[in-house]
N, C-alpha and C. Protein backbone atom coordinates (compact mmCIF):
# COMPACT_ATOMS: atom_id res chain seq x y z
N MET A 1 10.18 2.84 8.21
CA MET A 1 10.44 1.39 8.47
C MET A 1 11.02 0.81 7.81
N GLU A 2 12.13 -0.24 8.37
CA GLU A 2 13.43 -0.91 8.35
C GLU A 2 12.90 -1.62 6.62
N THR A 3 13.09 -2.10 5.64
CA THR A 3 12.81 -2.76 4.74
C THR A 3 12.80 -4.38 5.28
N ALA A 4 13.76 -4.94 5.83
CA ALA A 4 13.81 -6.07 6.53
C ALA A 4 12.62 -6.53 7.17
N TYR A 5 12.64 -5.34 8.09
CA TYR A 5 11.20 -5.98 8.88
C TYR A 5 10.05 -5.94 8.54
N ALA A 6 10.09 -4.91 7.45
CA ALA A 6 8.63 -4.63 6.54
C ALA A 6 8.15 -6.13 6.03
N PHE A 7 9.73 -6.58 5.40
CA PHE A 7 9.33 -8.30 5.01
C PHE A 7 8.72 -8.99 5.87
N ARG A 8 9.83 -9.19 7.00
CA ARG A 8 9.07 -9.95 8.07
C ARG A 8 7.69 -9.92 8.58
N LEU A 9 7.03 -8.45 9.04
CA LEU A 9 6.25 -8.35 9.23
C LEU A 9 4.81 -8.44 7.97
N PHE A 10 5.26 -8.84 6.88
CA PHE A 10 4.36 -8.74 6.09
C PHE A 10 4.20 -10.20 6.11
N SER A 11 5.55 -11.17 5.79
CA SER A 11 5.36 -12.62 5.76
C SER A 11 4.41 -12.98 6.54
N LEU A 12 4.32 -12.64 8.23
CA LEU A 12 3.91 -13.36 9.14
C LEU A 12 1.89 -12.82 8.44
N LEU A 13 2.08 -11.66 8.25
CA LEU A 13 0.45 -10.85 8.03
C LEU A 13 0.19 -11.86 6.55
N LEU A 14 0.84 -12.48 5.61
CA LEU A 14 0.02 -13.56 4.58
C LEU A 14 0.25 -14.52 4.94
N LEU A 15 1.33 -15.35 5.56
CA LEU A 15 0.79 -16.20 6.17
C LEU A 15 -0.07 -16.57 7.13
N SER A 16 -0.52 -15.75 7.87
CA SER A 16 -1.84 -15.82 8.85
C SER A 16 -2.64 -15.44 8.34
N LEU A 17 -3.31 -15.12 7.15
CA LEU A 17 -4.05 -14.57 6.41
C LEU A 17 -4.53 -15.78 5.66
N LEU A 18 -3.37 -16.30 4.72
CA LEU A 18 -3.85 -17.92 4.25
C LEU A 18 -4.76 -18.67 5.48
N LEU A 19 -3.89 -19.04 6.95
CA LEU A 19 -4.28 -19.70 7.52
C LEU A 19 -5.92 -19.46 8.23
N HIS A 20 -6.03 -18.22 8.33
CA HIS A 20 -7.12 -17.84 8.64
C HIS A 20 -8.64 -18.26 7.41
N LEU A 21 -8.03 -18.42 6.71
CA LEU A 21 -8.81 -18.14 5.34
C LEU A 21 -9.29 -19.49 4.94
N SER A 22 -8.39 -20.43 5.93
CA SER A 22 -8.51 -22.26 5.56
C SER A 22 -8.05 -22.58 4.32
N LEU A 23 -7.07 -21.54 3.74
CA LEU A 23 -6.45 -22.40 2.50
C LEU A 23 -5.03 -22.74 3.16
N VAL A 24 -4.67 -22.85 4.16
CA VAL A 24 -3.85 -23.96 4.21
C VAL A 24 -4.18 -24.79 5.67
N PRO A 25 -4.33 -25.89 4.86
CA PRO A 25 -4.80 -27.15 6.46
C PRO A 25 -3.97 -26.96 7.37
N ALA A 26 -4.39 -27.47 8.53
CA ALA A 26 -3.29 -27.37 9.75
C ALA A 26 -2.83 -28.52 9.70
N ALA A 27 -1.05 -28.45 9.90
CA ALA A 27 -0.41 -29.61 9.91
C ALA A 27 0.48 -29.65 11.24
N ARG A 28 1.20 -30.62 10.95
CA ARG A 28 2.68 -30.61 12.31
C ARG A 28 3.64 -29.82 11.62
N ALA A 29 4.39 -29.60 12.35
CA ALA A 29 4.99 -28.33 12.08
C ALA A 29 6.79 -28.96 11.09
N ALA A 30 6.37 -30.32 11.68
CA ALA A 30 7.27 -31.30 10.62
C ALA A 30 7.08 -31.38 9.33
N ASP A 31 5.59 -31.43 9.08
CA ASP A 31 5.05 -31.66 7.64
C ASP A 31 4.24 -29.99 7.21
N PRO A 32 4.88 -29.42 7.19
CA PRO A 32 4.43 -27.93 6.26
C PRO A 32 3.19 -28.26 5.10
N PRO A 33 2.17 -27.65 5.26
CA PRO A 33 2.01 -27.88 3.94
C PRO A 33 1.50 -27.27 2.57
N ALA A 34 1.34 -27.89 1.85
CA ALA A 34 1.45 -27.28 0.18
C ALA A 34 0.42 -26.14 0.54
N LEU A 35 0.16 -25.08 -0.38
CA LEU A 35 -0.73 -23.93 -0.44
C LEU A 35 -1.86 -24.14 -1.92
N PRO A 36 -3.07 -24.99 -1.47
CA PRO A 36 -3.78 -25.36 -2.31
C PRO A 36 -4.96 -24.22 -2.90
N LEU A 37 -4.35 -23.06 -3.27
CA LEU A 37 -4.72 -21.85 -3.84
C LEU A 37 -5.09 -21.77 -4.94
N THR A 38 -6.24 -21.46 -5.97
CA THR A 38 -6.63 -21.30 -7.10
C THR A 38 -5.98 -20.13 -7.75
N ALA A 39 -5.96 -20.06 -8.83
CA ALA A 39 -5.04 -19.22 -9.27
C ALA A 39 -5.72 -17.33 -8.90
N SER A 40 -6.90 -17.31 -8.76
CA SER A 40 -7.59 -16.31 -8.80
C SER A 40 -7.63 -16.38 -7.05
N GLU A 41 -7.87 -17.42 -6.03
CA GLU A 41 -7.49 -17.06 -4.72
C GLU A 41 -5.80 -16.49 -4.63
N TYR A 42 -4.75 -17.35 -5.36
CA TYR A 42 -3.96 -16.34 -5.20
C TYR A 42 -3.41 -15.33 -5.43
N SER A 43 -4.15 -14.78 -6.81
CA SER A 43 -4.16 -13.48 -6.95
C SER A 43 -4.78 -12.40 -6.17
N VAL A 44 -5.93 -12.66 -5.13
CA VAL A 44 -7.06 -11.96 -4.35
C VAL A 44 -5.60 -11.97 -3.09
N VAL A 45 -5.25 -13.07 -2.62
CA VAL A 45 -4.24 -13.14 -1.60
C VAL A 45 -2.76 -12.06 -1.74
N ILE A 46 -2.46 -11.95 -2.79
CA ILE A 46 -1.25 -11.50 -3.16
C ILE A 46 -1.75 -9.57 -3.21
N LEU A 47 -2.94 -9.67 -3.54
CA LEU A 47 -3.56 -8.22 -3.86
C LEU A 47 -3.83 -7.58 -2.30
N VAL A 48 -4.26 -8.56 -1.85
CA VAL A 48 -4.46 -8.05 -0.31
C VAL A 48 -2.93 -7.79 0.76
N ALA A 49 -2.13 -8.72 0.33
CA ALA A 49 -0.42 -8.93 0.83
C ALA A 49 0.02 -7.16 0.31
N LYS A 50 -0.35 -6.73 -1.11
CA LYS A 50 0.22 -5.62 -1.76
C LYS A 50 0.02 -4.73 -0.69
N GLY A 51 -1.07 -4.44 -0.28
CA GLY A 51 -1.75 -3.56 0.73
C GLY A 51 -1.31 -3.66 2.06
N ALA A 52 -1.12 -4.43 2.53
CA ALA A 52 -0.15 -4.41 3.35
C ALA A 52 1.20 -3.53 3.45
N VAL A 53 1.90 -4.19 1.89
CA VAL A 53 3.08 -3.57 1.93
C VAL A 53 2.87 -1.97 1.71
N ILE A 54 2.16 -1.67 0.79
CA ILE A 54 2.44 -0.43 0.85
C ILE A 54 1.81 0.14 1.94
N ALA A 55 1.19 0.08 2.96
CA ALA A 55 0.83 0.97 4.17
C ALA A 55 2.41 0.78 4.99
N ALA A 56 2.94 -0.11 4.86
CA ALA A 56 4.26 -0.35 5.32
C ALA A 56 5.33 0.33 4.65
N LEU A 57 5.31 0.47 3.35
CA LEU A 57 6.40 1.23 3.11
C LEU A 57 5.99 2.74 2.71
N TYR A 58 4.75 3.13 2.78
CA TYR A 58 4.38 4.38 2.17
C TYR A 58 3.79 5.38 2.93
N ALA A 59 3.25 4.47 4.41
CA ALA A 59 2.74 5.56 5.53
C ALA A 59 3.55 5.22 6.91
N ASN A 60 3.33 4.36 7.71
CA ASN A 60 3.64 3.96 8.58
C ASN A 60 3.79 2.76 9.57
N ASP A 61 4.28 2.47 10.62
CA ASP A 61 3.98 0.91 11.52
C ASP A 61 2.64 1.07 12.19
N THR A 62 2.19 2.00 12.20
CA THR A 62 0.69 2.17 13.22
C THR A 62 -0.33 1.69 11.92
N ALA A 63 -0.05 2.72 10.94
CA ALA A 63 -1.18 2.26 9.63
C ALA A 63 -0.78 1.20 9.09
N ALA A 64 0.24 0.32 8.59
CA ALA A 64 0.34 -1.02 8.38
C ALA A 64 -0.57 -1.96 9.55
N LEU A 65 -0.13 -1.53 10.71
CA LEU A 65 -1.33 -2.59 12.04
C LEU A 65 -2.24 -2.34 11.56
N ASP A 66 -2.98 -1.66 11.56
CA ASP A 66 -4.72 -0.78 11.03
C ASP A 66 -4.74 -1.59 10.06
N TYR A 67 -4.03 -1.13 8.44
CA TYR A 67 -4.43 -2.17 7.75
C TYR A 67 -4.70 -3.64 7.85
N MET A 68 -3.96 -4.32 8.67
CA MET A 68 -3.89 -5.68 8.82
C MET A 68 -4.75 -5.79 9.66
N ASP A 69 -5.56 -5.18 10.65
CA ASP A 69 -6.74 -5.23 11.31
C ASP A 69 -7.71 -5.10 10.77
N VAL A 70 -8.22 -4.21 9.50
CA VAL A 70 -8.84 -4.09 8.70
C VAL A 70 -9.16 -5.50 7.53
N ALA A 71 -7.82 -5.59 7.14
CA ALA A 71 -7.81 -7.18 6.55
C ALA A 71 -8.13 -8.20 6.48
N PHE A 72 -7.81 -8.56 7.80
CA PHE A 72 -8.68 -9.52 8.57
C PHE A 72 -10.16 -9.32 8.99
N ASP A 73 -10.81 -8.37 9.19
CA ASP A 73 -11.85 -8.08 9.91
C ASP A 73 -12.84 -8.37 8.52
N ARG A 74 -12.02 -8.01 7.21
CA ARG A 74 -12.82 -7.65 6.05
C ARG A 74 -12.63 -8.81 4.81
N GLN A 75 -11.70 -9.77 5.48
CA GLN A 75 -11.20 -10.43 4.44
C GLN A 75 -12.76 -11.28 3.29
N SER A 76 -13.78 -11.34 4.08
CA SER A 76 -14.71 -12.09 3.62
C SER A 76 -15.68 -11.25 2.54
N ASP A 77 -14.94 -9.59 2.64
CA ASP A 77 -15.91 -8.92 1.56
C ASP A 77 -14.58 -9.38 -0.17
N VAL A 78 -13.69 -10.12 -0.15
CA VAL A 78 -13.03 -10.30 -1.56
C VAL A 78 -12.59 -11.92 -1.47
N LEU A 79 -12.94 -12.47 -0.30
CA LEU A 79 -12.55 -13.94 -1.02
C LEU A 79 -13.07 -14.95 0.46
N ASN A 80 -14.40 -15.11 -0.41
CA ASN A 80 -15.70 -16.43 -0.37
C ASN A 80 -16.05 -16.97 -1.19
N GLU A 81 -17.00 -17.71 -0.73
CA GLU A 81 -17.92 -18.24 -2.57
C GLU A 81 -19.01 -17.57 -2.65
N GLU A 82 -18.93 -16.00 -2.14
CA GLU A 82 -20.11 -15.43 -2.41
C GLU A 82 -19.39 -14.59 -3.73
N THR A 83 -18.39 -14.11 -3.05
CA THR A 83 -17.27 -12.96 -3.98
C THR A 83 -16.45 -13.90 -5.17
N LYS A 84 -16.28 -15.29 -5.43
CA LYS A 84 -15.39 -15.80 -6.06
C LYS A 84 -15.64 -15.23 -7.28
N ASP A 85 -16.51 -14.54 -7.57
CA ASP A 85 -16.40 -14.26 -8.96
C ASP A 85 -16.49 -12.32 -9.06
N MET A 86 -15.95 -11.86 -8.67
CA MET A 86 -15.75 -10.74 -8.29
C MET A 86 -14.52 -10.55 -9.49
N SER A 87 -14.29 -9.41 -10.10
CA SER A 87 -13.00 -8.93 -11.38
C SER A 87 -12.04 -8.80 -10.37
N TYR A 88 -11.08 -8.76 -10.84
CA TYR A 88 -9.70 -8.33 -10.68
C TYR A 88 -10.09 -6.69 -9.65
N ALA A 89 -10.42 -6.14 -10.88
CA ALA A 89 -10.67 -4.97 -10.91
C ALA A 89 -11.42 -4.18 -9.64
N GLU A 90 -12.88 -4.88 -9.30
CA GLU A 90 -13.52 -4.86 -8.11
C GLU A 90 -12.79 -5.52 -6.85
N VAL A 91 -12.13 -6.43 -7.01
CA VAL A 91 -11.09 -6.65 -5.41
C VAL A 91 -10.49 -5.63 -5.17
N SER A 92 -9.41 -4.98 -6.33
CA SER A 92 -8.57 -3.77 -6.16
C SER A 92 -9.59 -2.67 -5.76
N GLU A 93 -10.16 -2.52 -6.21
CA GLU A 93 -10.87 -1.23 -5.78
C GLU A 93 -10.77 -1.45 -4.50
N ARG A 94 -11.92 -2.40 -3.39
CA ARG A 94 -11.99 -2.99 -2.24
C ARG A 94 -10.48 -2.50 -0.82
N VAL A 95 -9.50 -3.23 -1.77
CA VAL A 95 -8.26 -3.29 -0.96
C VAL A 95 -7.36 -1.71 -0.97
N GLN A 96 -7.96 -1.25 -2.55
CA GLN A 96 -7.23 0.23 -2.17
C GLN A 96 -8.17 0.79 -1.14
N GLY A 97 -9.45 1.06 -1.13
CA GLY A 97 -10.10 1.53 0.33
C GLY A 97 -9.68 1.12 1.15
N TRP A 98 -9.44 0.12 1.47
CA TRP A 98 -8.68 -0.49 2.76
C TRP A 98 -7.54 0.17 3.21
N VAL A 99 -6.63 0.45 2.23
CA VAL A 99 -5.42 1.38 2.24
C VAL A 99 -5.58 2.73 2.47
N ARG A 100 -6.57 3.42 1.95
CA ARG A 100 -6.87 4.58 2.07
C ARG A 100 -6.89 4.80 3.46
N GLU A 101 -8.23 4.41 3.67
CA GLU A 101 -8.90 4.58 5.33
C GLU A 101 -8.02 4.20 6.12
N THR A 102 -6.87 3.31 5.85
CA THR A 102 -6.04 3.55 7.29
C THR A 102 -4.80 4.20 7.49
N THR A 103 -4.27 4.26 5.95
CA THR A 103 -3.04 5.18 6.06
C THR A 103 -3.53 6.49 5.52
N GLY A 104 -4.39 6.78 5.14
CA GLY A 104 -4.72 8.46 4.59
C GLY A 104 -3.63 8.50 3.48
N LEU A 105 -3.50 7.60 2.72
CA LEU A 105 -2.47 7.75 1.56
C LEU A 105 -3.49 8.59 0.34
N SER A 106 -3.12 9.32 -0.64
CA SER A 106 -4.08 9.50 -1.83
C SER A 106 -4.48 8.53 -2.49
N ASP A 107 -5.81 7.97 -2.96
CA ASP A 107 -6.03 7.24 -4.02
C ASP A 107 -5.32 7.26 -4.92
N LYS A 108 -4.47 8.14 -5.40
CA LYS A 108 -2.96 7.94 -6.69
C LYS A 108 -1.93 7.14 -6.39
N ARG A 109 -1.70 7.66 -5.23
CA ARG A 109 -0.55 6.91 -4.45
C ARG A 109 -0.86 5.47 -4.15
N VAL A 110 -1.86 4.94 -3.74
CA VAL A 110 -2.41 3.90 -3.63
C VAL A 110 -2.13 2.72 -4.78
N LYS A 111 -3.00 3.55 -6.10
CA LYS A 111 -2.97 2.83 -7.27
C LYS A 111 -1.61 2.89 -7.71
N GLN A 112 -0.63 3.78 -7.84
CA GLN A 112 0.76 3.66 -7.96
C GLN A 112 1.78 2.62 -7.09
N GLY A 113 1.10 2.45 -5.94
CA GLY A 113 2.01 1.30 -5.39
C GLY A 113 1.12 0.19 -5.56
N LEU A 114 0.12 -0.25 -5.81
CA LEU A 114 -0.40 -1.87 -6.68
C LEU A 114 0.66 -1.46 -7.46
N GLU A 115 0.83 -0.98 -8.52
CA GLU A 115 1.32 -0.79 -9.92
C GLU A 115 2.81 -1.20 -10.05
N LEU A 116 3.93 -1.01 -8.57
CA LEU A 116 4.83 -0.98 -8.60
C LEU A 116 5.76 -2.50 -8.37
N GLY A 117 7.17 -2.51 -9.40
CA GLY A 117 7.05 -3.64 -9.33
C GLY A 117 8.36 -3.95 -8.34
N GLU A 118 8.59 -2.80 -7.35
CA GLU A 118 8.63 -3.15 -5.99
C GLU A 118 7.94 -3.39 -4.83
N VAL A 119 6.81 -3.32 -5.18
CA VAL A 119 5.79 -3.77 -4.04
C VAL A 119 5.74 -5.38 -4.42
N GLU A 120 5.31 -5.42 -5.58
CA GLU A 120 5.28 -7.23 -5.76
C GLU A 120 6.07 -7.72 -5.41
N GLU A 121 7.76 -7.49 -5.61
CA GLU A 121 8.76 -8.43 -5.24
C GLU A 121 8.93 -8.43 -3.87
N ALA A 122 8.07 -7.13 -2.90
CA ALA A 122 7.98 -7.01 -1.66
C ALA A 122 7.20 -8.18 -0.91
N VAL A 123 5.97 -8.54 -1.56
CA VAL A 123 5.09 -9.49 -1.88
C VAL A 123 6.05 -11.09 -1.94
N ARG A 124 6.63 -11.27 -2.99
CA ARG A 124 7.13 -12.42 -3.74
C ARG A 124 8.29 -12.46 -2.31
N VAL A 125 9.30 -11.93 -1.74
CA VAL A 125 10.08 -12.14 -0.99
C VAL A 125 9.59 -12.35 -0.32
N SER A 126 9.11 -12.05 0.58
CA SER A 126 8.36 -11.85 2.19
C SER A 126 7.81 -13.69 2.34
N PHE A 127 6.85 -13.80 1.46
CA PHE A 127 6.52 -15.03 0.97
C PHE A 127 7.31 -15.75 1.04
N LYS A 128 8.55 -16.19 -0.02
CA LYS A 128 9.20 -16.93 0.55
C LYS A 128 10.13 -16.93 1.69
N TYR A 129 10.67 -15.68 1.78
CA TYR A 129 11.33 -16.30 3.41
C TYR A 129 10.32 -16.45 4.44
N ALA A 130 8.81 -16.60 4.28
CA ALA A 130 8.22 -17.62 5.23
C ALA A 130 8.28 -18.49 5.23
N ALA A 131 8.39 -19.16 3.79
CA ALA A 131 8.20 -20.60 3.44
C ALA A 131 9.27 -20.98 3.64
N ILE A 132 10.74 -19.98 3.72
CA ILE A 132 11.93 -21.07 3.79
C ILE A 132 11.82 -21.22 5.51
N ARG A 133 11.24 -20.71 6.07
CA ARG A 133 11.55 -20.37 7.82
C ARG A 133 10.58 -21.42 8.18
N SER A 134 9.71 -22.03 7.38
CA SER A 134 8.67 -22.91 7.10
C SER A 134 7.57 -22.45 8.39
N VAL A 135 7.25 -21.06 8.35
CA VAL A 135 6.17 -20.24 8.99
C VAL A 135 5.18 -20.74 8.00
N PHE A 136 3.79 -21.29 8.20
CA PHE A 136 2.73 -21.35 7.89
C PHE A 136 1.46 -21.20 8.34
N GLY A 137 1.58 -20.66 9.71
CA GLY A 137 0.26 -20.15 9.98
C GLY A 137 0.87 -19.62 11.32
N THR A 138 -0.51 -19.18 12.16
CA THR A 138 -0.22 -18.13 13.17
C THR A 138 -1.13 -18.98 14.58
N PRO A 139 -0.27 -18.70 15.58
CA PRO A 139 0.89 -18.82 15.99
C PRO A 139 1.88 -19.40 16.05
N MET A 140 3.06 -18.92 15.37
CA MET A 140 4.21 -19.60 15.47
C MET A 140 5.32 -18.39 16.05
N PHE A 141 6.25 -19.10 16.60
CA PHE A 141 6.97 -18.10 17.29
C PHE A 141 8.52 -18.66 16.94
N MET A 142 9.25 -17.30 17.05
CA MET A 142 10.82 -17.62 16.71
C MET A 142 11.38 -16.90 17.84
N ILE A 143 12.32 -17.44 18.16
CA ILE A 143 13.66 -16.86 18.98
C ILE A 143 15.03 -17.20 18.47
N ASN A 144 15.69 -15.99 17.97
CA ASN A 144 16.85 -15.80 17.35
C ASN A 144 16.53 -16.48 15.56
N GLN A 145 15.28 -16.54 15.31
CA GLN A 145 15.32 -16.76 14.07
C GLN A 145 14.85 -18.50 13.72
N ILE A 146 15.06 -19.05 14.88
CA ILE A 146 14.76 -20.59 14.90
C ILE A 146 13.41 -20.84 15.90
N MET A 147 12.58 -21.65 14.81
CA MET A 147 10.94 -21.92 15.68
C MET A 147 11.51 -22.47 16.77
N VAL A 148 9.89 -22.09 17.65
CA VAL A 148 10.11 -22.72 18.97
C VAL A 148 8.52 -23.47 19.18
N PRO A 149 8.95 -24.62 19.22
CA PRO A 149 7.77 -25.72 19.43
C PRO A 149 7.42 -25.52 20.85
N GLY A 150 6.20 -26.14 20.88
CA GLY A 150 5.79 -25.91 22.23
C GLY A 150 5.04 -24.55 22.80
N LEU A 151 5.46 -23.01 22.20
CA LEU A 151 4.77 -22.14 22.30
C LEU A 151 3.70 -21.78 21.72
N ASP A 152 2.71 -21.56 22.23
CA ASP A 152 1.41 -21.15 21.69
C ASP A 152 0.36 -19.92 22.00
N SER A 153 -0.31 -19.50 21.54
CA SER A 153 -0.80 -18.46 22.21
C SER A 153 -1.92 -18.32 23.74
N GLU A 154 -1.69 -19.95 23.93
CA GLU A 154 -1.65 -19.81 25.14
C GLU A 154 -0.41 -20.42 26.32
N SER A 155 0.55 -19.86 25.70
CA SER A 155 1.33 -20.06 26.47
C SER A 155 1.93 -19.08 27.36
N GLY A 156 2.30 -19.23 28.94
CA GLY A 156 1.93 -18.03 29.97
C GLY A 156 3.78 -17.71 30.09
N LEU A 157 3.81 -17.13 31.13
CA LEU A 157 5.41 -16.07 31.29
C LEU A 157 6.04 -17.33 31.28
N GLN A 158 5.84 -18.55 32.55
CA GLN A 158 7.08 -19.49 32.60
C GLN A 158 7.28 -20.33 31.43
N ASP A 159 6.31 -20.34 30.82
CA ASP A 159 6.54 -21.47 29.19
C ASP A 159 7.80 -20.38 28.53
N TRP A 160 7.53 -18.86 28.50
CA TRP A 160 8.57 -18.64 27.88
C TRP A 160 9.81 -18.53 28.48
N LYS A 161 10.00 -18.48 30.12
CA LYS A 161 11.17 -18.39 30.87
C LYS A 161 11.57 -19.90 30.29
N MET A 162 11.44 -20.72 30.07
CA MET A 162 12.15 -22.07 29.67
C MET A 162 12.84 -21.74 28.72
N TYR A 163 12.51 -20.89 27.72
CA TYR A 163 13.23 -20.65 26.43
C TYR A 163 13.99 -19.63 26.69
N LEU A 164 13.71 -18.87 26.97
CA LEU A 164 14.38 -17.36 27.40
C LEU A 164 16.07 -17.18 28.43
N GLU A 165 15.51 -17.77 29.12
CA GLU A 165 16.47 -17.93 30.54
C GLU A 165 17.52 -18.72 30.17
N PRO A 166 17.95 -20.22 29.58
CA PRO A 166 19.23 -20.46 29.18
C PRO A 166 19.68 -19.46 28.21
N LEU A 167 19.08 -18.72 27.43
CA LEU A 167 19.61 -17.82 26.30
C LEU A 167 20.31 -16.80 26.89
N LEU A 168 19.65 -16.22 27.71
CA LEU A 168 19.57 -15.11 28.70
C LEU A 168 20.90 -15.23 29.54
N ALA A 169 21.10 -16.26 30.29
CA ALA A 169 22.31 -16.93 31.17
C ALA A 169 23.66 -17.13 30.05
N ARG A 170 23.97 -17.30 29.04
CA ARG A 170 24.58 -17.49 28.00
C ARG A 170 25.20 -16.17 27.64
N ALA A 171 24.11 -15.37 27.63
CA ALA A 171 24.58 -14.11 27.06
C ALA A 171 25.33 -13.38 28.02
N GLU A 172 24.95 -13.62 29.00
CA GLU A 172 25.83 -12.65 30.45
C GLU A 172 26.65 -13.21 30.37
N ARG A 173 26.75 -15.10 30.47
CA ARG A 173 28.25 -15.55 30.68
C ARG A 173 29.34 -14.93 29.21
N LYS A 174 29.23 -14.47 27.83
CA LYS A 174 29.79 -14.06 27.46
C LYS A 174 30.22 -12.44 27.74
N ASP A 175 29.31 -12.15 28.12
CA ASP A 175 30.01 -10.33 29.13
C ASP A 175 31.20 -10.51 30.17
């Protein structure tokens, strides 16, 4: 998988996970929220995000998407009121299990991936990339790296045409 694509894919995963966990309050697009994460919550979110990077970099696109589905479905296994006192090692073991389950990677490879500086860096770069782009929740749509206001999960074909047709017409005139 192309590294830039993996970063973008991961950025959306991380921020949508934060929003889904209600760690990022709802806000207007013009007023992105601060992230009210405790050190413990931050480390868990980063660990789950590392799993996504490992799946994207060392397995394949399908495995990365499968991991994201598992991470969303099982997030309460690592981050809720009942699990807030779990140790980092306990959370790490659960996340490693998700990665192994969805990617088929060996236990040794997953543990190595969690310790690699390039995985940690990918997580941090992706998070910063998304923050710079004002991506702080889902769904948020961009066309040509520009935030598109007014489109959401309920948007239909006509809504998308309103944004895309002028761009396509401009591209045709250039040809």
